[in-house]
Amino acid sequence: MRNGNKVHRIPTSSEPAAAPVRNRGRVDIIRQTAHRGGKTVTVVKGFVGVGPAELKELGRTLQKACGAGGTVKDGRIEIQGEHREVVAGILKNGGFRPVLAGG
């Protein structure tokens, strides 16, 4: 179907369903304020079998979804602000098993 200059593909019922998301393990989502001048940071840690490049890309995705800055260091992702629920939803869709921890 054409709409202006864009071509939109219409899915048919004969196409195979998307592959189920595999279990990629448990990750902990923690809210921290210690040693940060009172500012809240959402920390995701406990990634197993995830390479540095994939971790960096996942960090970028989380930053965009939360509309906040952040960093990836020492095998964990830090997002500025309180975004545990948003981060948990994205990680769950990515095949991880997020666990909310901390106050």
PDB file of N, CA and C in Angstrom:
ATOM      1  N   MET A   1       0.844  -1.163   0.000  1.00  0.00           N
ATOM      2  CA  MET A   1       0.000   0.000   0.000  1.00  0.00           C
ATOM      3  C   MET A   1       0.895   1.233   0.000  1.00  0.00           C
ATOM      4  N   ARG A   2       0.626   2.189  -0.827  1.00  0.00           N
ATOM      5  CA  ARG A   2       1.415   3.414  -0.897  1.00  0.00           C
ATOM      6  C   ARG A   2       0.744   4.536  -0.126  1.00  0.00           C
ATOM      7  N   ASN A   3       1.566   5.265   0.607  1.00  0.00           N
ATOM      8  CA  ASN A   3       1.085   6.423   1.354  1.00  0.00           C
ATOM      9  C   ASN A   3       2.130   7.507   1.184  1.00  0.00           C
ATOM     10  N   GLY A   4       1.946   8.406   0.218  1.00  0.00           N
ATOM     11  CA  GLY A   4       2.959   9.411  -0.065  1.00  0.00           C
ATOM     12  C   GLY A   4       4.173   8.745  -0.657  1.00  0.00           C
ATOM     13  N   ASN A   5       5.339   8.957  -0.077  1.00  0.00           N
ATOM     14  CA  ASN A   5       6.578   8.358  -0.561  1.00  0.00           C
ATOM     15  C   ASN A   5       6.942   7.072   0.169  1.00  0.00           C
ATOM     16  N   LYS A   6       6.190   6.733   1.204  1.00  0.00           N
ATOM     17  CA  LYS A   6       6.523   5.561   2.002  1.00  0.00           C
ATOM     18  C   LYS A   6       5.715   4.356   1.540  1.00  0.00           C
ATOM     19  N   VAL A   7       6.330   3.200   1.593  1.00  0.00           N
ATOM     20  CA  VAL A   7       5.652   1.953   1.255  1.00  0.00           C
ATOM     21  C   VAL A   7       5.452   1.186   2.548  1.00  0.00           C
ATOM     22  N   HIS A   8       4.198   0.891   2.869  1.00  0.00           N
ATOM     23  CA  HIS A   8       3.878   0.157   4.095  1.00  0.00           C
ATOM     24  C   HIS A   8       3.557  -1.276   3.733  1.00  0.00           C
ATOM     25  N   ARG A   9       4.158  -2.215   4.434  1.00  0.00           N
ATOM     26  CA  ARG A   9       3.936  -3.621   4.190  1.00  0.00           C
ATOM     27  C   ARG A   9       2.799  -4.096   5.079  1.00  0.00           C
ATOM     28  N   ILE A  10       1.855  -4.767   4.500  1.00  0.00           N
ATOM     29  CA  ILE A  10       0.718  -5.284   5.240  1.00  0.00           C
ATOM     30  C   ILE A  10       0.973  -6.768   5.508  1.00  0.00           C
ATOM     31  N   PRO A  11       1.038  -7.179   6.796  1.00  0.00           N
ATOM     32  CA  PRO A  11       1.298  -8.585   7.107  1.00  0.00           C
ATOM     33  C   PRO A  11       0.112  -9.456   6.702  1.00  0.00           C
ATOM     34  N   THR A  12       0.405 -10.657   6.284  1.00  0.00           N
ATOM     35  CA  THR A  12      -0.642 -11.606   5.931  1.00  0.00           C
ATOM     36  C   THR A  12      -0.678 -12.718   6.959  1.00  0.00           C
ATOM     37  N   SER A  13      -1.765 -13.441   6.983  1.00  0.00           N
ATOM     38  CA  SER A  13      -1.908 -14.514   7.973  1.00  0.00           C
ATOM     39  C   SER A  13      -1.034 -15.719   7.640  1.00  0.00           C
ATOM     40  N   SER A  14      -0.522 -15.795   6.408  1.00  0.00           N
ATOM     41  CA  SER A  14       0.308 -16.935   6.037  1.00  0.00           C
ATOM     42  C   SER A  14       1.769 -16.779   6.460  1.00  0.00           C
ATOM     43  N   GLU A  15       2.146 -15.587   6.958  1.00  0.00           N
ATOM     44  CA  GLU A  15       3.518 -15.371   7.406  1.00  0.00           C
ATOM     45  C   GLU A  15       3.726 -16.068   8.742  1.00  0.00           C
ATOM     46  N   PRO A  16       4.918 -16.605   8.977  1.00  0.00           N
ATOM     47  CA  PRO A  16       5.172 -17.271  10.259  1.00  0.00           C
ATOM     48  C   PRO A  16       5.194 -16.255  11.394  1.00  0.00           C
ATOM     49  N   ALA A  17       4.797 -16.697  12.564  1.00  0.00           N
ATOM     50  CA  ALA A  17       4.803 -15.822  13.736  1.00  0.00           C
ATOM     51  C   ALA A  17       6.243 -15.528  14.139  1.00  0.00           C
ATOM     52  N   ALA A  18       6.441 -14.424  14.849  1.00  0.00           N
ATOM     53  CA  ALA A  18       7.776 -14.064  15.318  1.00  0.00           C
ATOM     54  C   ALA A  18       8.279 -15.139  16.273  1.00  0.00           C
ATOM     55  N   ALA A  19       9.586 -15.363  16.238  1.00  0.00           N
ATOM     56  CA  ALA A  19      10.187 -16.378  17.101  1.00  0.00           C
ATOM     57  C   ALA A  19      10.008 -15.975  18.559  1.00  0.00           C
ATOM     58  N   PRO A  20       9.706 -16.921  19.429  1.00  0.00           N
ATOM     59  CA  PRO A  20       9.550 -16.580  20.835  1.00  0.00           C
ATOM     60  C   PRO A  20      10.877 -16.070  21.404  1.00  0.00           C
ATOM     61  N   VAL A  21      10.783 -15.122  22.329  1.00  0.00           N
ATOM     62  CA  VAL A  21      11.977 -14.546  22.934  1.00  0.00           C
ATOM     63  C   VAL A  21      12.541 -15.561  23.919  1.00  0.00           C
ATOM     64  N   ARG A  22      13.829 -15.842  23.787  1.00  0.00           N
ATOM     65  CA  ARG A  22      14.448 -16.836  24.664  1.00  0.00           C
ATOM     66  C   ARG A  22      14.798 -16.212  26.009  1.00  0.00           C
ATOM     67  N   ASN A  23      14.954 -17.038  27.007  1.00  0.00           N
ATOM     68  CA  ASN A  23      15.291 -16.573  28.345  1.00  0.00           C
ATOM     69  C   ASN A  23      16.778 -16.248  28.389  1.00  0.00           C
ATOM     70  N   ARG A  24      17.102 -15.005  28.669  1.00  0.00           N
ATOM     71  CA  ARG A  24      18.498 -14.571  28.688  1.00  0.00           C
ATOM     72  C   ARG A  24      19.025 -14.394  30.100  1.00  0.00           C
ATOM     73  N   GLY A  25      18.243 -14.779  31.091  1.00  0.00           N
ATOM     74  CA  GLY A  25      18.718 -14.754  32.469  1.00  0.00           C
ATOM     75  C   GLY A  25      18.169 -13.600  33.284  1.00  0.00           C
ATOM     76  N   ARG A  26      18.465 -13.667  34.567  1.00  0.00           N
ATOM     77  CA  ARG A  26      17.993 -12.676  35.526  1.00  0.00           C
ATOM     78  C   ARG A  26      18.920 -11.467  35.537  1.00  0.00           C
ATOM     79  N   VAL A  27      18.317 -10.280  35.617  1.00  0.00           N
ATOM     80  CA  VAL A  27      19.077  -9.041  35.816  1.00  0.00           C
ATOM     81  C   VAL A  27      18.412  -8.276  36.954  1.00  0.00           C
ATOM     82  N   ASP A  28      19.222  -7.610  37.755  1.00  0.00           N
ATOM     83  CA  ASP A  28      18.723  -6.841  38.892  1.00  0.00           C
ATOM     84  C   ASP A  28      18.629  -5.373  38.509  1.00  0.00           C
ATOM     85  N   ILE A  29      17.503  -4.746  38.843  1.00  0.00           N
ATOM     86  CA  ILE A  29      17.309  -3.321  38.600  1.00  0.00           C
ATOM     87  C   ILE A  29      17.250  -2.653  39.969  1.00  0.00           C
ATOM     88  N   ILE A  30      18.219  -1.764  40.219  1.00  0.00           N
ATOM     89  CA  ILE A  30      18.398  -1.168  41.537  1.00  0.00           C
ATOM     90  C   ILE A  30      18.304   0.352  41.431  1.00  0.00           C
ATOM     91  N   ARG A  31      17.685   0.974  42.431  1.00  0.00           N
ATOM     92  CA  ARG A  31      17.682   2.434  42.525  1.00  0.00           C
ATOM     93  C   ARG A  31      18.739   2.830  43.557  1.00  0.00           C
ATOM     94  N   GLN A  32      19.667   3.702  43.138  1.00  0.00           N
ATOM     95  CA  GLN A  32      20.739   4.125  44.042  1.00  0.00           C
ATOM     96  C   GLN A  32      20.779   5.646  44.154  1.00  0.00           C
ATOM     97  N   THR A  33      21.157   6.125  45.332  1.00  0.00           N
ATOM     98  CA  THR A  33      21.418   7.550  45.523  1.00  0.00           C
ATOM     99  C   THR A  33      22.749   7.773  46.229  1.00  0.00           C
ATOM    100  N   ALA A  34      23.344   6.715  46.764  1.00  0.00           N
ATOM    101  CA  ALA A  34      24.573   6.836  47.543  1.00  0.00           C
ATOM    102  C   ALA A  34      25.730   7.335  46.685  1.00  0.00           C
ATOM    103  N   HIS A  35      26.476   8.282  47.212  1.00  0.00           N
ATOM    104  CA  HIS A  35      27.676   8.839  46.580  1.00  0.00           C
ATOM    105  C   HIS A  35      27.372   9.528  45.254  1.00  0.00           C
ATOM    106  N   ARG A  36      26.164  10.042  45.111  1.00  0.00           N
ATOM    107  CA  ARG A  36      25.779  10.706  43.859  1.00  0.00           C
ATOM    108  C   ARG A  36      25.186  12.079  44.126  1.00  0.00           C
ATOM    109  N   GLY A  37      25.491  12.644  45.247  1.00  0.00           N
ATOM    110  CA  GLY A  37      25.003  13.980  45.562  1.00  0.00           C
ATOM    111  C   GLY A  37      23.497  14.029  45.750  1.00  0.00           C
ATOM    112  N   GLY A  38      22.890  12.935  46.170  1.00  0.00           N
ATOM    113  CA  GLY A  38      21.455  12.893  46.389  1.00  0.00           C
ATOM    114  C   GLY A  38      20.642  12.607  45.144  1.00  0.00           C
ATOM    115  N   LYS A  39      21.285  12.492  43.993  1.00  0.00           N
ATOM    116  CA  LYS A  39      20.577  12.220  42.741  1.00  0.00           C
ATOM    117  C   LYS A  39      20.294  10.723  42.610  1.00  0.00           C
ATOM    118  N   THR A  40      19.133  10.399  42.070  1.00  0.00           N
ATOM    119  CA  THR A  40      18.734   9.007  41.896  1.00  0.00           C
ATOM    120  C   THR A  40      19.243   8.470  40.571  1.00  0.00           C
ATOM    121  N   VAL A  41      19.738   7.240  40.592  1.00  0.00           N
ATOM    122  CA  VAL A  41      20.220   6.561  39.396  1.00  0.00           C
ATOM    123  C   VAL A  41      19.640   5.153  39.384  1.00  0.00           C
ATOM    124  N   THR A  42      19.157   4.721  38.225  1.00  0.00           N
ATOM    125  CA  THR A  42      18.670   3.357  38.045  1.00  0.00           C
ATOM    126  C   THR A  42      19.820   2.522  37.502  1.00  0.00           C
ATOM    127  N   VAL A  43      20.193   1.471  38.210  1.00  0.00           N
ATOM    128  CA  VAL A  43      21.322   0.621  37.835  1.00  0.00           C
ATOM    129  C   VAL A  43      20.806  -0.763  37.461  1.00  0.00           C
ATOM    130  N   VAL A  44      21.249  -1.261  36.306  1.00  0.00           N
ATOM    131  CA  VAL A  44      20.893  -2.609  35.869  1.00  0.00           C
ATOM    132  C   VAL A  44      22.182  -3.422  35.859  1.00  0.00           C
ATOM    133  N   LYS A  45      22.197  -4.523  36.617  1.00  0.00           N
ATOM    134  CA  LYS A  45      23.403  -5.338  36.682  1.00  0.00           C
ATOM    135  C   LYS A  45      23.043  -6.814  36.688  1.00  0.00           C
ATOM    136  N   GLY A  46      24.046  -7.644  36.477  1.00  0.00           N
ATOM    137  CA  GLY A  46      23.839  -9.078  36.493  1.00  0.00           C
ATOM    138  C   GLY A  46      23.701  -9.695  35.110  1.00  0.00           C
ATOM    139  N   PHE A  47      24.184  -9.001  34.080  1.00  0.00           N
ATOM    140  CA  PHE A  47      24.114  -9.531  32.722  1.00  0.00           C
ATOM    141  C   PHE A  47      25.102 -10.686  32.580  1.00  0.00           C
ATOM    142  N   VAL A  48      24.633 -11.814  32.059  1.00  0.00           N
ATOM    143  CA  VAL A  48      25.476 -12.982  31.839  1.00  0.00           C
ATOM    144  C   VAL A  48      25.414 -13.320  30.356  1.00  0.00           C
ATOM    145  N   GLY A  49      26.578 -13.463  29.736  1.00  0.00           N
ATOM    146  CA  GLY A  49      26.626 -13.834  28.329  1.00  0.00           C
ATOM    147  C   GLY A  49      26.292 -12.705  27.376  1.00  0.00           C
ATOM    148  N   VAL A  50      26.370 -11.466  27.836  1.00  0.00           N
ATOM    149  CA  VAL A  50      26.101 -10.298  26.993  1.00  0.00           C
ATOM    150  C   VAL A  50      27.422  -9.584  26.777  1.00  0.00           C
ATOM    151  N   GLY A  51      27.814  -9.430  25.516  1.00  0.00           N
ATOM    152  CA  GLY A  51      29.076  -8.789  25.189  1.00  0.00           C
ATOM    153  C   GLY A  51      29.033  -7.285  25.389  1.00  0.00           C
ATOM    154  N   PRO A  52      30.206  -6.646  25.428  1.00  0.00           N
ATOM    155  CA  PRO A  52      30.274  -5.201  25.640  1.00  0.00           C
ATOM    156  C   PRO A  52      29.541  -4.396  24.565  1.00  0.00           C
ATOM    157  N   ALA A  53      29.618  -4.833  23.317  1.00  0.00           N
ATOM    158  CA  ALA A  53      28.945  -4.082  22.245  1.00  0.00           C
ATOM    159  C   ALA A  53      27.430  -4.162  22.402  1.00  0.00           C
ATOM    160  N   GLU A  54      26.923  -5.341  22.722  1.00  0.00           N
ATOM    161  CA  GLU A  54      25.478  -5.501  22.914  1.00  0.00           C
ATOM    162  C   GLU A  54      25.011  -4.742  24.151  1.00  0.00           C
ATOM    163  N   LEU A  55      25.825  -4.735  25.192  1.00  0.00           N
ATOM    164  CA  LEU A  55      25.493  -4.013  26.415  1.00  0.00           C
ATOM    165  C   LEU A  55      25.421  -2.515  26.141  1.00  0.00           C
ATOM    166  N   LYS A  56      26.356  -2.006  25.355  1.00  0.00           N
ATOM    167  CA  LYS A  56      26.369  -0.589  25.008  1.00  0.00           C
ATOM    168  C   LYS A  56      25.128  -0.217  24.192  1.00  0.00           C
ATOM    169  N   GLU A  57      24.754  -1.067  23.243  1.00  0.00           N
ATOM    170  CA  GLU A  57      23.570  -0.811  22.428  1.00  0.00           C
ATOM    171  C   GLU A  57      22.299  -0.867  23.285  1.00  0.00           C
ATOM    172  N   LEU A  58      22.235  -1.810  24.218  1.00  0.00           N
ATOM    173  CA  LEU A  58      21.098  -1.905  25.122  1.00  0.00           C
ATOM    174  C   LEU A  58      21.020  -0.660  26.005  1.00  0.00           C
ATOM    175  N   GLY A  59      22.171  -0.161  26.443  1.00  0.00           N
ATOM    176  CA  GLY A  59      22.212   1.062  27.236  1.00  0.00           C
ATOM    177  C   GLY A  59      21.662   2.250  26.468  1.00  0.00           C
ATOM    178  N   ARG A  60      22.025   2.359  25.198  1.00  0.00           N
ATOM    179  CA  ARG A  60      21.500   3.443  24.360  1.00  0.00           C
ATOM    180  C   ARG A  60      19.987   3.350  24.208  1.00  0.00           C
ATOM    181  N   THR A  61      19.504   2.128  24.015  1.00  0.00           N
ATOM    182  CA  THR A  61      18.062   1.915  23.874  1.00  0.00           C
ATOM    183  C   THR A  61      17.325   2.336  25.141  1.00  0.00           C
ATOM    184  N   LEU A  62      17.861   1.966  26.286  1.00  0.00           N
ATOM    185  CA  LEU A  62      17.235   2.327  27.557  1.00  0.00           C
ATOM    186  C   LEU A  62      17.262   3.840  27.772  1.00  0.00           C
ATOM    187  N   GLN A  63      18.368   4.486  27.416  1.00  0.00           N
ATOM    188  CA  GLN A  63      18.460   5.932  27.571  1.00  0.00           C
ATOM    189  C   GLN A  63      17.416   6.647  26.727  1.00  0.00           C
ATOM    190  N   LYS A  64      17.249   6.199  25.484  1.00  0.00           N
ATOM    191  CA  LYS A  64      16.260   6.822  24.601  1.00  0.00           C
ATOM    192  C   LYS A  64      14.849   6.612  25.118  1.00  0.00           C
ATOM    193  N   ALA A  65      14.553   5.398  25.585  1.00  0.00           N
ATOM    194  CA  ALA A  65      13.212   5.096  26.077  1.00  0.00           C
ATOM    195  C   ALA A  65      12.877   5.909  27.325  1.00  0.00           C
ATOM    196  N   CYS A  66      13.875   6.150  28.161  1.00  0.00           N
ATOM    197  CA  CYS A  66      13.652   6.894  29.404  1.00  0.00           C
ATOM    198  C   CYS A  66      13.803   8.402  29.209  1.00  0.00           C
ATOM    199  N   GLY A  67      14.392   8.805  28.109  1.00  0.00           N
ATOM    200  CA  GLY A  67      14.626  10.235  27.883  1.00  0.00           C
ATOM    201  C   GLY A  67      15.619  10.793  28.879  1.00  0.00           C
ATOM    202  N   ALA A  68      16.637  10.014  29.186  1.00  0.00           N
ATOM    203  CA  ALA A  68      17.612  10.409  30.205  1.00  0.00           C
ATOM    204  C   ALA A  68      19.009  10.004  29.761  1.00  0.00           C
ATOM    205  N   GLY A  69      19.991  10.568  30.425  1.00  0.00           N
ATOM    206  CA  GLY A  69      21.371  10.198  30.163  1.00  0.00           C
ATOM    207  C   GLY A  69      21.736   8.941  30.928  1.00  0.00           C
ATOM    208  N   GLY A  70      22.921   8.459  30.670  1.00  0.00           N
ATOM    209  CA  GLY A  70      23.375   7.273  31.376  1.00  0.00           C
ATOM    210  C   GLY A  70      24.714   6.823  30.860  1.00  0.00           C
ATOM    211  N   THR A  71      25.173   5.690  31.378  1.00  0.00           N
ATOM    212  CA  THR A  71      26.459   5.155  30.980  1.00  0.00           C
ATOM    213  C   THR A  71      26.457   3.641  31.123  1.00  0.00           C
ATOM    214  N   VAL A  72      27.436   3.028  30.486  1.00  0.00           N
ATOM    215  CA  VAL A  72      27.668   1.586  30.630  1.00  0.00           C
ATOM    216  C   VAL A  72      29.091   1.437  31.134  1.00  0.00           C
ATOM    217  N   LYS A  73      29.246   0.844  32.314  1.00  0.00           N
ATOM    218  CA  LYS A  73      30.589   0.615  32.840  1.00  0.00           C
ATOM    219  C   LYS A  73      30.589  -0.572  33.791  1.00  0.00           C
ATOM    220  N   ASP A  74      31.699  -1.275  33.802  1.00  0.00           N
ATOM    221  CA  ASP A  74      31.893  -2.436  34.682  1.00  0.00           C
ATOM    222  C   ASP A  74      30.786  -3.475  34.529  1.00  0.00           C
ATOM    223  N   GLY A  75      30.264  -3.669  33.313  1.00  0.00           N
ATOM    224  CA  GLY A  75      29.255  -4.686  33.070  1.00  0.00           C
ATOM    225  C   GLY A  75      27.869  -4.341  33.567  1.00  0.00           C
ATOM    226  N   ARG A  76      27.633  -3.069  33.855  1.00  0.00           N
ATOM    227  CA  ARG A  76      26.301  -2.651  34.297  1.00  0.00           C
ATOM    228  C   ARG A  76      25.879  -1.387  33.548  1.00  0.00           C
ATOM    229  N   ILE A  77      24.587  -1.140  33.514  1.00  0.00           N
ATOM    230  CA  ILE A  77      24.035   0.034  32.843  1.00  0.00           C
ATOM    231  C   ILE A  77      23.478   0.962  33.911  1.00  0.00           C
ATOM    232  N   GLU A  78      23.843   2.243  33.828  1.00  0.00           N
ATOM    233  CA  GLU A  78      23.327   3.246  34.760  1.00  0.00           C
ATOM    234  C   GLU A  78      22.527   4.269  33.972  1.00  0.00           C
ATOM    235  N   ILE A  79      21.282   4.499  34.390  1.00  0.00           N
ATOM    236  CA  ILE A  79      20.398   5.475  33.757  1.00  0.00           C
ATOM    237  C   ILE A  79      20.069   6.540  34.796  1.00  0.00           C
ATOM    238  N   GLN A  80      20.208   7.799  34.440  1.00  0.00           N
ATOM    239  CA  GLN A  80      19.943   8.884  35.374  1.00  0.00           C
ATOM    240  C   GLN A  80      18.449   8.990  35.654  1.00  0.00           C
ATOM    241  N   GLY A  81      18.091   9.022  36.947  1.00  0.00           N
ATOM    242  CA  GLY A  81      16.700   9.163  37.348  1.00  0.00           C
ATOM    243  C   GLY A  81      16.077   7.843  37.762  1.00  0.00           C
ATOM    244  N   GLU A  82      14.823   7.931  38.178  1.00  0.00           N
ATOM    245  CA  GLU A  82      14.048   6.768  38.635  1.00  0.00           C
ATOM    246  C   GLU A  82      13.241   6.232  37.452  1.00  0.00           C
ATOM    247  N   HIS A  83      13.723   5.150  36.826  1.00  0.00           N
ATOM    248  CA  HIS A  83      13.083   4.592  35.638  1.00  0.00           C
ATOM    249  C   HIS A  83      12.977   3.072  35.720  1.00  0.00           C
ATOM    250  N   ARG A  84      12.812   2.529  36.918  1.00  0.00           N
ATOM    251  CA  ARG A  84      12.839   1.077  37.074  1.00  0.00           C
ATOM    252  C   ARG A  84      11.726   0.372  36.302  1.00  0.00           C
ATOM    253  N   GLU A  85      10.519   0.914  36.301  1.00  0.00           N
ATOM    254  CA  GLU A  85       9.399   0.253  35.628  1.00  0.00           C
ATOM    255  C   GLU A  85       9.589   0.237  34.114  1.00  0.00           C
ATOM    256  N   VAL A  86      10.041   1.354  33.542  1.00  0.00           N
ATOM    257  CA  VAL A  86      10.267   1.432  32.089  1.00  0.00           C
ATOM    258  C   VAL A  86      11.381   0.480  31.678  1.00  0.00           C
ATOM    259  N   VAL A  87      12.467   0.489  32.434  1.00  0.00           N
ATOM    260  CA  VAL A  87      13.609  -0.377  32.147  1.00  0.00           C
ATOM    261  C   VAL A  87      13.202  -1.848  32.250  1.00  0.00           C
ATOM    262  N   ALA A  88      12.404  -2.183  33.265  1.00  0.00           N
ATOM    263  CA  ALA A  88      11.964  -3.567  33.435  1.00  0.00           C
ATOM    264  C   ALA A  88      11.133  -4.028  32.241  1.00  0.00           C
ATOM    265  N   GLY A  89      10.262  -3.181  31.733  1.00  0.00           N
ATOM    266  CA  GLY A  89       9.449  -3.541  30.576  1.00  0.00           C
ATOM    267  C   GLY A  89      10.277  -3.802  29.339  1.00  0.00           C
ATOM    268  N   ILE A  90      11.265  -2.965  29.091  1.00  0.00           N
ATOM    269  CA  ILE A  90      12.120  -3.133  27.913  1.00  0.00           C
ATOM    270  C   ILE A  90      12.956  -4.402  28.033  1.00  0.00           C
ATOM    271  N   LEU A  91      13.506  -4.640  29.206  1.00  0.00           N
ATOM    272  CA  LEU A  91      14.324  -5.843  29.404  1.00  0.00           C
ATOM    273  C   LEU A  91      13.483  -7.113  29.299  1.00  0.00           C
ATOM    274  N   LYS A  92      12.254  -7.067  29.791  1.00  0.00           N
ATOM    275  CA  LYS A  92      11.382  -8.235  29.698  1.00  0.00           C
ATOM    276  C   LYS A  92      11.085  -8.553  28.239  1.00  0.00           C
ATOM    277  N   ASN A  93      10.842  -7.530  27.425  1.00  0.00           N
ATOM    278  CA  ASN A  93      10.612  -7.735  25.996  1.00  0.00           C
ATOM    279  C   ASN A  93      11.863  -8.248  25.293  1.00  0.00           C
ATOM    280  N   GLY A  94      13.039  -7.957  25.853  1.00  0.00           N
ATOM    281  CA  GLY A  94      14.294  -8.409  25.279  1.00  0.00           C
ATOM    282  C   GLY A  94      14.685  -9.819  25.698  1.00  0.00           C
ATOM    283  N   GLY A  95      13.859 -10.470  26.505  1.00  0.00           N
ATOM    284  CA  GLY A  95      14.142 -11.853  26.893  1.00  0.00           C
ATOM    285  C   GLY A  95      14.802 -11.998  28.242  1.00  0.00           C
ATOM    286  N   PHE A  96      15.047 -10.903  28.937  1.00  0.00           N
ATOM    287  CA  PHE A  96      15.653 -10.976  30.267  1.00  0.00           C
ATOM    288  C   PHE A  96      14.559 -11.161  31.310  1.00  0.00           C
ATOM    289  N   ARG A  97      14.957 -11.548  32.516  1.00  0.00           N
ATOM    290  CA  ARG A  97      14.023 -11.662  33.628  1.00  0.00           C
ATOM    291  C   ARG A  97      14.399 -10.607  34.662  1.00  0.00           C
ATOM    292  N   PRO A  98      13.804  -9.398  34.550  1.00  0.00           N
ATOM    293  CA  PRO A  98      14.179  -8.308  35.450  1.00  0.00           C
ATOM    294  C   PRO A  98      13.588  -8.494  36.846  1.00  0.00           C
ATOM    295  N   VAL A  99      14.394  -8.169  37.852  1.00  0.00           N
ATOM    296  CA  VAL A  99      13.966  -8.231  39.248  1.00  0.00           C
ATOM    297  C   VAL A  99      14.231  -6.864  39.859  1.00  0.00           C
ATOM    298  N   LEU A 100      13.163  -6.231  40.394  1.00  0.00           N
ATOM    299  CA  LEU A 100      13.320  -4.925  41.020  1.00  0.00           C
ATOM    300  C   LEU A 100      13.863  -5.117  42.436  1.00  0.00           C
ATOM    301  N   ALA A 101      14.918  -4.371  42.745  1.00  0.00           N
ATOM    302  CA  ALA A 101      15.543  -4.471  44.057  1.00  0.00           C
ATOM    303  C   ALA A 101      15.825  -3.067  44.569  1.00  0.00           C
ATOM    304  N   GLY A 102      16.028  -2.926  45.835  1.00  0.00           N
ATOM    305  CA  GLY A 102      16.359  -1.626  46.411  1.00  0.00           C
ATOM    306  C   GLY A 102      15.119  -0.810  46.674  1.00  0.00           C
ATOM    307  N   GLY A 103      15.283   0.235  47.488  1.00  0.00           N
ATOM    308  CA  GLY A 103      14.175   1.064  47.927  1.00  0.00           C
ATOM    309  C   GLY A 103      13.560   1.833  46.896  1.00  0.00           C
TER     310      GLY A 103
END
